[in-house]
Amino acid sequence: MIRAFISIQRQDSLRTELRRVVDLLKLRRAGEISESVINDLVLLSWLEWSGGSLRLTTTGANICRQQHVALETGL
């Protein structure tokens, strides 16, 4: 499998944006997510295509949990 390079700065930006992306997916508003964000999240294996729909991967869920804990603890 070929992995594309995504800079640390871009990963940090995506990590911050992931929560919003998940909320939009739950609301069935994926059209509001930019194609570049979707592509990068899929490359990072935080999202995956499943039957024509996007869904959060286990890795993506773990990232969301980490973000939630960081917000609660003020880190």
PDB file of N, CA and C in Angstrom:
ATOM      1  N   MET A   1       0.841  -1.181   0.000  1.00  0.00           N
ATOM      2  CA  MET A   1       0.000   0.000   0.000  1.00  0.00           C
ATOM      3  C   MET A   1       0.881   1.238   0.000  1.00  0.00           C
ATOM      4  N   ILE A   2       0.580   2.182  -0.854  1.00  0.00           N
ATOM      5  CA  ILE A   2       1.343   3.414  -0.942  1.00  0.00           C
ATOM      6  C   ILE A   2       0.693   4.457  -0.043  1.00  0.00           C
ATOM      7  N   ARG A   3       1.483   5.047   0.841  1.00  0.00           N
ATOM      8  CA  ARG A   3       0.977   6.072   1.750  1.00  0.00           C
ATOM      9  C   ARG A   3       1.491   7.427   1.292  1.00  0.00           C
ATOM     10  N   ALA A   4       0.614   8.375   1.164  1.00  0.00           N
ATOM     11  CA  ALA A   4       1.009   9.731   0.809  1.00  0.00           C
ATOM     12  C   ALA A   4       1.509  10.434   2.067  1.00  0.00           C
ATOM     13  N   PHE A   5       2.414  11.363   1.864  1.00  0.00           N
ATOM     14  CA  PHE A   5       2.940  12.136   2.987  1.00  0.00           C
ATOM     15  C   PHE A   5       1.996  13.283   3.305  1.00  0.00           C
ATOM     16  N   ILE A   6       1.594  13.376   4.549  1.00  0.00           N
ATOM     17  CA  ILE A   6       0.800  14.510   5.027  1.00  0.00           C
ATOM     18  C   ILE A   6       1.588  15.134   6.167  1.00  0.00           C
ATOM     19  N   SER A   7       1.901  16.410   6.028  1.00  0.00           N
ATOM     20  CA  SER A   7       2.755  17.092   7.007  1.00  0.00           C
ATOM     21  C   SER A   7       2.133  17.054   8.404  1.00  0.00           C
ATOM     22  N   ILE A   8       2.974  17.204   9.399  1.00  0.00           N
ATOM     23  CA  ILE A   8       2.525  17.237  10.792  1.00  0.00           C
ATOM     24  C   ILE A   8       1.553  18.400  11.004  1.00  0.00           C
ATOM     25  N   GLN A   9       1.850  19.549  10.390  1.00  0.00           N
ATOM     26  CA  GLN A   9       0.966  20.708  10.522  1.00  0.00           C
ATOM     27  C   GLN A   9      -0.418  20.397   9.949  1.00  0.00           C
ATOM     28  N   ARG A  10      -0.449  19.741   8.802  1.00  0.00           N
ATOM     29  CA  ARG A  10      -1.728  19.379   8.179  1.00  0.00           C
ATOM     30  C   ARG A  10      -2.458  18.348   9.038  1.00  0.00           C
ATOM     31  N   GLN A  11      -1.733  17.386   9.592  1.00  0.00           N
ATOM     32  CA  GLN A  11      -2.357  16.395  10.466  1.00  0.00           C
ATOM     33  C   GLN A  11      -2.970  17.064  11.684  1.00  0.00           C
ATOM     34  N   ASP A  12      -2.265  18.045  12.253  1.00  0.00           N
ATOM     35  CA  ASP A  12      -2.808  18.775  13.407  1.00  0.00           C
ATOM     36  C   ASP A  12      -4.092  19.509  13.031  1.00  0.00           C
ATOM     37  N   SER A  13      -4.086  20.115  11.855  1.00  0.00           N
ATOM     38  CA  SER A  13      -5.275  20.816  11.365  1.00  0.00           C
ATOM     39  C   SER A  13      -6.429  19.832  11.172  1.00  0.00           C
ATOM     40  N   LEU A  14      -6.143  18.682  10.599  1.00  0.00           N
ATOM     41  CA  LEU A  14      -7.176  17.664  10.378  1.00  0.00           C
ATOM     42  C   LEU A  14      -7.685  17.093  11.696  1.00  0.00           C
ATOM     43  N   ARG A  15      -6.790  16.932  12.645  1.00  0.00           N
ATOM     44  CA  ARG A  15      -7.173  16.429  13.970  1.00  0.00           C
ATOM     45  C   ARG A  15      -8.201  17.379  14.598  1.00  0.00           C
ATOM     46  N   THR A  16      -7.950  18.669  14.467  1.00  0.00           N
ATOM     47  CA  THR A  16      -8.865  19.676  15.001  1.00  0.00           C
ATOM     48  C   THR A  16     -10.193  19.657  14.256  1.00  0.00           C
ATOM     49  N   GLU A  17     -10.155  19.462  12.966  1.00  0.00           N
ATOM     50  CA  GLU A  17     -11.352  19.503  12.122  1.00  0.00           C
ATOM     51  C   GLU A  17     -12.168  18.211  12.161  1.00  0.00           C
ATOM     52  N   LEU A  18     -11.575  17.124  12.616  1.00  0.00           N
ATOM     53  CA  LEU A  18     -12.241  15.823  12.572  1.00  0.00           C
ATOM     54  C   LEU A  18     -13.574  15.824  13.304  1.00  0.00           C
ATOM     55  N   ARG A  19     -13.642  16.469  14.431  1.00  0.00           N
ATOM     56  CA  ARG A  19     -14.891  16.498  15.208  1.00  0.00           C
ATOM     57  C   ARG A  19     -16.017  17.125  14.384  1.00  0.00           C
ATOM     58  N   ARG A  20     -15.734  18.232  13.694  1.00  0.00           N
ATOM     59  CA  ARG A  20     -16.726  18.896  12.849  1.00  0.00           C
ATOM     60  C   ARG A  20     -17.150  17.969  11.704  1.00  0.00           C
ATOM     61  N   VAL A  21     -16.171  17.270  11.126  1.00  0.00           N
ATOM     62  CA  VAL A  21     -16.451  16.348  10.032  1.00  0.00           C
ATOM     63  C   VAL A  21     -17.392  15.236  10.507  1.00  0.00           C
ATOM     64  N   VAL A  22     -17.115  14.681  11.661  1.00  0.00           N
ATOM     65  CA  VAL A  22     -17.960  13.610  12.209  1.00  0.00           C
ATOM     66  C   VAL A  22     -19.373  14.132  12.457  1.00  0.00           C
ATOM     67  N   ASP A  23     -19.480  15.344  12.998  1.00  0.00           N
ATOM     68  CA  ASP A  23     -20.803  15.927  13.228  1.00  0.00           C
ATOM     69  C   ASP A  23     -21.566  16.097  11.916  1.00  0.00           C
ATOM     70  N   LEU A  24     -20.879  16.571  10.871  1.00  0.00           N
ATOM     71  CA  LEU A  24     -21.525  16.737   9.567  1.00  0.00           C
ATOM     72  C   LEU A  24     -21.957  15.397   8.988  1.00  0.00           C
ATOM     73  N   LEU A  25     -21.146  14.362   9.163  1.00  0.00           N
ATOM     74  CA  LEU A  25     -21.519  13.031   8.670  1.00  0.00           C
ATOM     75  C   LEU A  25     -22.758  12.515   9.394  1.00  0.00           C
ATOM     76  N   LYS A  26     -22.832  12.742  10.693  1.00  0.00           N
ATOM     77  CA  LYS A  26     -24.004  12.302  11.460  1.00  0.00           C
ATOM     78  C   LYS A  26     -25.263  13.010  10.989  1.00  0.00           C
ATOM     79  N   LEU A  27     -25.120  14.261  10.561  1.00  0.00           N
ATOM     80  CA  LEU A  27     -26.251  15.045  10.075  1.00  0.00           C
ATOM     81  C   LEU A  27     -26.535  14.806   8.587  1.00  0.00           C
ATOM     82  N   ARG A  28     -25.759  13.894   7.986  1.00  0.00           N
ATOM     83  CA  ARG A  28     -25.870  13.576   6.549  1.00  0.00           C
ATOM     84  C   ARG A  28     -25.639  14.815   5.685  1.00  0.00           C
ATOM     85  N   ARG A  29     -24.598  15.576   6.060  1.00  0.00           N
ATOM     86  CA  ARG A  29     -24.243  16.787   5.332  1.00  0.00           C
ATOM     87  C   ARG A  29     -22.803  16.713   4.841  1.00  0.00           C
ATOM     88  N   ALA A  30     -22.419  15.565   4.329  1.00  0.00           N
ATOM     89  CA  ALA A  30     -21.051  15.355   3.859  1.00  0.00           C
ATOM     90  C   ALA A  30     -20.678  16.313   2.728  1.00  0.00           C
ATOM     91  N   GLY A  31     -21.657  16.817   2.010  1.00  0.00           N
ATOM     92  CA  GLY A  31     -21.402  17.756   0.929  1.00  0.00           C
ATOM     93  C   GLY A  31     -20.759  19.049   1.399  1.00  0.00           C
ATOM     94  N   GLU A  32     -20.819  19.315   2.704  1.00  0.00           N
ATOM     95  CA  GLU A  32     -20.229  20.521   3.276  1.00  0.00           C
ATOM     96  C   GLU A  32     -18.761  20.325   3.671  1.00  0.00           C
ATOM     97  N   ILE A  33     -18.249  19.125   3.483  1.00  0.00           N
ATOM     98  CA  ILE A  33     -16.852  18.815   3.804  1.00  0.00           C
ATOM     99  C   ILE A  33     -16.051  18.924   2.521  1.00  0.00           C
ATOM    100  N   SER A  34     -14.948  19.656   2.572  1.00  0.00           N
ATOM    101  CA  SER A  34     -14.162  19.831   1.346  1.00  0.00           C
ATOM    102  C   SER A  34     -13.548  18.502   0.898  1.00  0.00           C
ATOM    103  N   GLU A  35     -13.408  18.384  -0.405  1.00  0.00           N
ATOM    104  CA  GLU A  35     -12.850  17.165  -0.992  1.00  0.00           C
ATOM    105  C   GLU A  35     -11.429  16.907  -0.491  1.00  0.00           C
ATOM    106  N   SER A  36     -10.648  17.967  -0.320  1.00  0.00           N
ATOM    107  CA  SER A  36      -9.269  17.790   0.141  1.00  0.00           C
ATOM    108  C   SER A  36      -9.224  17.256   1.570  1.00  0.00           C
ATOM    109  N   VAL A  37     -10.140  17.702   2.415  1.00  0.00           N
ATOM    110  CA  VAL A  37     -10.210  17.197   3.794  1.00  0.00           C
ATOM    111  C   VAL A  37     -10.591  15.720   3.776  1.00  0.00           C
ATOM    112  N   ILE A  38     -11.588  15.376   2.988  1.00  0.00           N
ATOM    113  CA  ILE A  38     -12.002  13.967   2.888  1.00  0.00           C
ATOM    114  C   ILE A  38     -10.842  13.110   2.405  1.00  0.00           C
ATOM    115  N   ASN A  39     -10.183  13.543   1.343  1.00  0.00           N
ATOM    116  CA  ASN A  39      -9.067  12.762   0.799  1.00  0.00           C
ATOM    117  C   ASN A  39      -7.967  12.557   1.830  1.00  0.00           C
ATOM    118  N   ASP A  40      -7.626  13.621   2.547  1.00  0.00           N
ATOM    119  CA  ASP A  40      -6.558  13.498   3.548  1.00  0.00           C
ATOM    120  C   ASP A  40      -6.977  12.606   4.713  1.00  0.00           C
ATOM    121  N   LEU A  41      -8.219  12.721   5.155  1.00  0.00           N
ATOM    122  CA  LEU A  41      -8.687  11.873   6.259  1.00  0.00           C
ATOM    123  C   LEU A  41      -8.730  10.405   5.853  1.00  0.00           C
ATOM    124  N   VAL A  42      -9.059  10.141   4.597  1.00  0.00           N
ATOM    125  CA  VAL A  42      -9.033   8.760   4.099  1.00  0.00           C
ATOM    126  C   VAL A  42      -7.585   8.271   4.019  1.00  0.00           C
ATOM    127  N   LEU A  43      -6.675   9.125   3.529  1.00  0.00           N
ATOM    128  CA  LEU A  43      -5.262   8.734   3.459  1.00  0.00           C
ATOM    129  C   LEU A  43      -4.690   8.415   4.837  1.00  0.00           C
ATOM    130  N   LEU A  44      -5.148   9.133   5.855  1.00  0.00           N
ATOM    131  CA  LEU A  44      -4.680   8.888   7.220  1.00  0.00           C
ATOM    132  C   LEU A  44      -5.390   7.701   7.875  1.00  0.00           C
ATOM    133  N   SER A  45      -6.371   7.143   7.174  1.00  0.00           N
ATOM    134  CA  SER A  45      -7.191   6.030   7.689  1.00  0.00           C
ATOM    135  C   SER A  45      -8.038   6.454   8.888  1.00  0.00           C
ATOM    136  N   TRP A  46      -8.445   7.721   8.921  1.00  0.00           N
ATOM    137  CA  TRP A  46      -9.352   8.205   9.955  1.00  0.00           C
ATOM    138  C   TRP A  46     -10.790   8.090   9.482  1.00  0.00           C
ATOM    139  N   LEU A  47     -10.981   8.115   8.155  1.00  0.00           N
ATOM    140  CA  LEU A  47     -12.274   7.871   7.525  1.00  0.00           C
ATOM    141  C   LEU A  47     -12.075   6.802   6.469  1.00  0.00           C
ATOM    142  N   GLU A  48     -13.167   6.112   6.127  1.00  0.00           N
ATOM    143  CA  GLU A  48     -13.105   5.143   5.043  1.00  0.00           C
ATOM    144  C   GLU A  48     -14.409   5.177   4.270  1.00  0.00           C
ATOM    145  N   TRP A  49     -14.302   4.769   3.015  1.00  0.00           N
ATOM    146  CA  TRP A  49     -15.490   4.636   2.179  1.00  0.00           C
ATOM    147  C   TRP A  49     -16.102   3.270   2.429  1.00  0.00           C
ATOM    148  N   SER A  50     -17.405   3.259   2.621  1.00  0.00           N
ATOM    149  CA  SER A  50     -18.114   1.998   2.853  1.00  0.00           C
ATOM    150  C   SER A  50     -19.451   2.065   2.124  1.00  0.00           C
ATOM    151  N   GLY A  51     -19.557   1.335   1.032  1.00  0.00           N
ATOM    152  CA  GLY A  51     -20.796   1.320   0.271  1.00  0.00           C
ATOM    153  C   GLY A  51     -21.211   2.688  -0.241  1.00  0.00           C
ATOM    154  N   GLY A  52     -20.256   3.510  -0.606  1.00  0.00           N
ATOM    155  CA  GLY A  52     -20.553   4.841  -1.128  1.00  0.00           C
ATOM    156  C   GLY A  52     -20.732   5.907  -0.067  1.00  0.00           C
ATOM    157  N   SER A  53     -20.589   5.531   1.183  1.00  0.00           N
ATOM    158  CA  SER A  53     -20.703   6.478   2.295  1.00  0.00           C
ATOM    159  C   SER A  53     -19.386   6.542   3.053  1.00  0.00           C
ATOM    160  N   LEU A  54     -19.164   7.667   3.679  1.00  0.00           N
ATOM    161  CA  LEU A  54     -17.986   7.805   4.536  1.00  0.00           C
ATOM    162  C   LEU A  54     -18.334   7.377   5.948  1.00  0.00           C
ATOM    163  N   ARG A  55     -17.384   6.718   6.594  1.00  0.00           N
ATOM    164  CA  ARG A  55     -17.583   6.383   7.999  1.00  0.00           C
ATOM    165  C   ARG A  55     -16.255   6.499   8.735  1.00  0.00           C
ATOM    166  N   LEU A  56     -16.368   6.735  10.010  1.00  0.00           N
ATOM    167  CA  LEU A  56     -15.219   6.865  10.889  1.00  0.00           C
ATOM    168  C   LEU A  56     -14.594   5.496  11.103  1.00  0.00           C
ATOM    169  N   THR A  57     -13.273   5.432  11.027  1.00  0.00           N
ATOM    170  CA  THR A  57     -12.569   4.178  11.309  1.00  0.00           C
ATOM    171  C   THR A  57     -12.298   4.082  12.806  1.00  0.00           C
ATOM    172  N   THR A  58     -11.786   2.965  13.243  1.00  0.00           N
ATOM    173  CA  THR A  58     -11.397   2.814  14.644  1.00  0.00           C
ATOM    174  C   THR A  58     -10.333   3.845  15.002  1.00  0.00           C
ATOM    175  N   THR A  59      -9.383   4.047  14.106  1.00  0.00           N
ATOM    176  CA  THR A  59      -8.345   5.054  14.338  1.00  0.00           C
ATOM    177  C   THR A  59      -8.964   6.437  14.467  1.00  0.00           C
ATOM    178  N   GLY A  60      -9.900   6.764  13.574  1.00  0.00           N
ATOM    179  CA  GLY A  60     -10.578   8.050  13.631  1.00  0.00           C
ATOM    180  C   GLY A  60     -11.349   8.231  14.930  1.00  0.00           C
ATOM    181  N   ALA A  61     -12.000   7.175  15.375  1.00  0.00           N
ATOM    182  CA  ALA A  61     -12.739   7.236  16.641  1.00  0.00           C
ATOM    183  C   ALA A  61     -11.787   7.485  17.805  1.00  0.00           C
ATOM    184  N   ASN A  62     -10.618   6.855  17.764  1.00  0.00           N
ATOM    185  CA  ASN A  62      -9.627   7.075  18.816  1.00  0.00           C
ATOM    186  C   ASN A  62      -9.125   8.516  18.815  1.00  0.00           C
ATOM    187  N   ILE A  63      -8.915   9.082  17.628  1.00  0.00           N
ATOM    188  CA  ILE A  63      -8.485  10.476  17.520  1.00  0.00           C
ATOM    189  C   ILE A  63      -9.564  11.392  18.113  1.00  0.00           C
ATOM    190  N   CYS A  64     -10.824  11.125  17.799  1.00  0.00           N
ATOM    191  CA  CYS A  64     -11.927  11.919  18.353  1.00  0.00           C
ATOM    192  C   CYS A  64     -11.952  11.837  19.877  1.00  0.00           C
ATOM    193  N   ARG A  65     -11.761  10.643  20.402  1.00  0.00           N
ATOM    194  CA  ARG A  65     -11.736  10.457  21.858  1.00  0.00           C
ATOM    195  C   ARG A  65     -10.599  11.252  22.480  1.00  0.00           C
ATOM    196  N   GLN A  66      -9.427  11.211  21.848  1.00  0.00           N
ATOM    197  CA  GLN A  66      -8.273  11.969  22.351  1.00  0.00           C
ATOM    198  C   GLN A  66      -8.578  13.466  22.362  1.00  0.00           C
ATOM    199  N   GLN A  67      -9.221  13.951  21.294  1.00  0.00           N
ATOM    200  CA  GLN A  67      -9.573  15.370  21.210  1.00  0.00           C
ATOM    201  C   GLN A  67     -10.563  15.732  22.319  1.00  0.00           C
ATOM    202  N   HIS A  68     -11.531  14.854  22.562  1.00  0.00           N
ATOM    203  CA  HIS A  68     -12.533  15.097  23.595  1.00  0.00           C
ATOM    204  C   HIS A  68     -11.875  15.181  24.973  1.00  0.00           C
ATOM    205  N   VAL A  69     -10.989  14.250  25.256  1.00  0.00           N
ATOM    206  CA  VAL A  69     -10.287  14.249  26.542  1.00  0.00           C
ATOM    207  C   VAL A  69      -9.429  15.503  26.689  1.00  0.00           C
ATOM    208  N   ALA A  70      -8.756  15.880  25.607  1.00  0.00           N
ATOM    209  CA  ALA A  70      -7.909  17.080  25.646  1.00  0.00           C
ATOM    210  C   ALA A  70      -8.748  18.326  25.941  1.00  0.00           C
ATOM    211  N   LEU A  71      -9.943  18.415  25.375  1.00  0.00           N
ATOM    212  CA  LEU A  71     -10.811  19.551  25.628  1.00  0.00           C
ATOM    213  C   LEU A  71     -11.303  19.566  27.081  1.00  0.00           C
ATOM    214  N   GLU A  72     -11.632  18.377  27.579  1.00  0.00           N
ATOM    215  CA  GLU A  72     -12.119  18.288  28.960  1.00  0.00           C
ATOM    216  C   GLU A  72     -11.040  18.613  29.980  1.00  0.00           C
ATOM    217  N   THR A  73      -9.819  18.228  29.699  1.00  0.00           N
ATOM    218  CA  THR A  73      -8.732  18.430  30.655  1.00  0.00           C
ATOM    219  C   THR A  73      -7.971  19.722  30.407  1.00  0.00           C
ATOM    220  N   GLY A  74      -8.303  20.407  29.317  1.00  0.00           N
ATOM    221  CA  GLY A  74      -7.640  21.677  29.021  1.00  0.00           C
ATOM    222  C   GLY A  74      -6.242  21.535  28.480  1.00  0.00           C
ATOM    223  N   LEU A  75      -5.925  20.381  27.878  1.00  0.00           N
ATOM    224  CA  LEU A  75      -4.583  20.178  27.331  1.00  0.00           C
ATOM    225  C   LEU A  75      -4.440  20.806  25.978  1.00  0.00           C
TER     226      LEU A  75
END
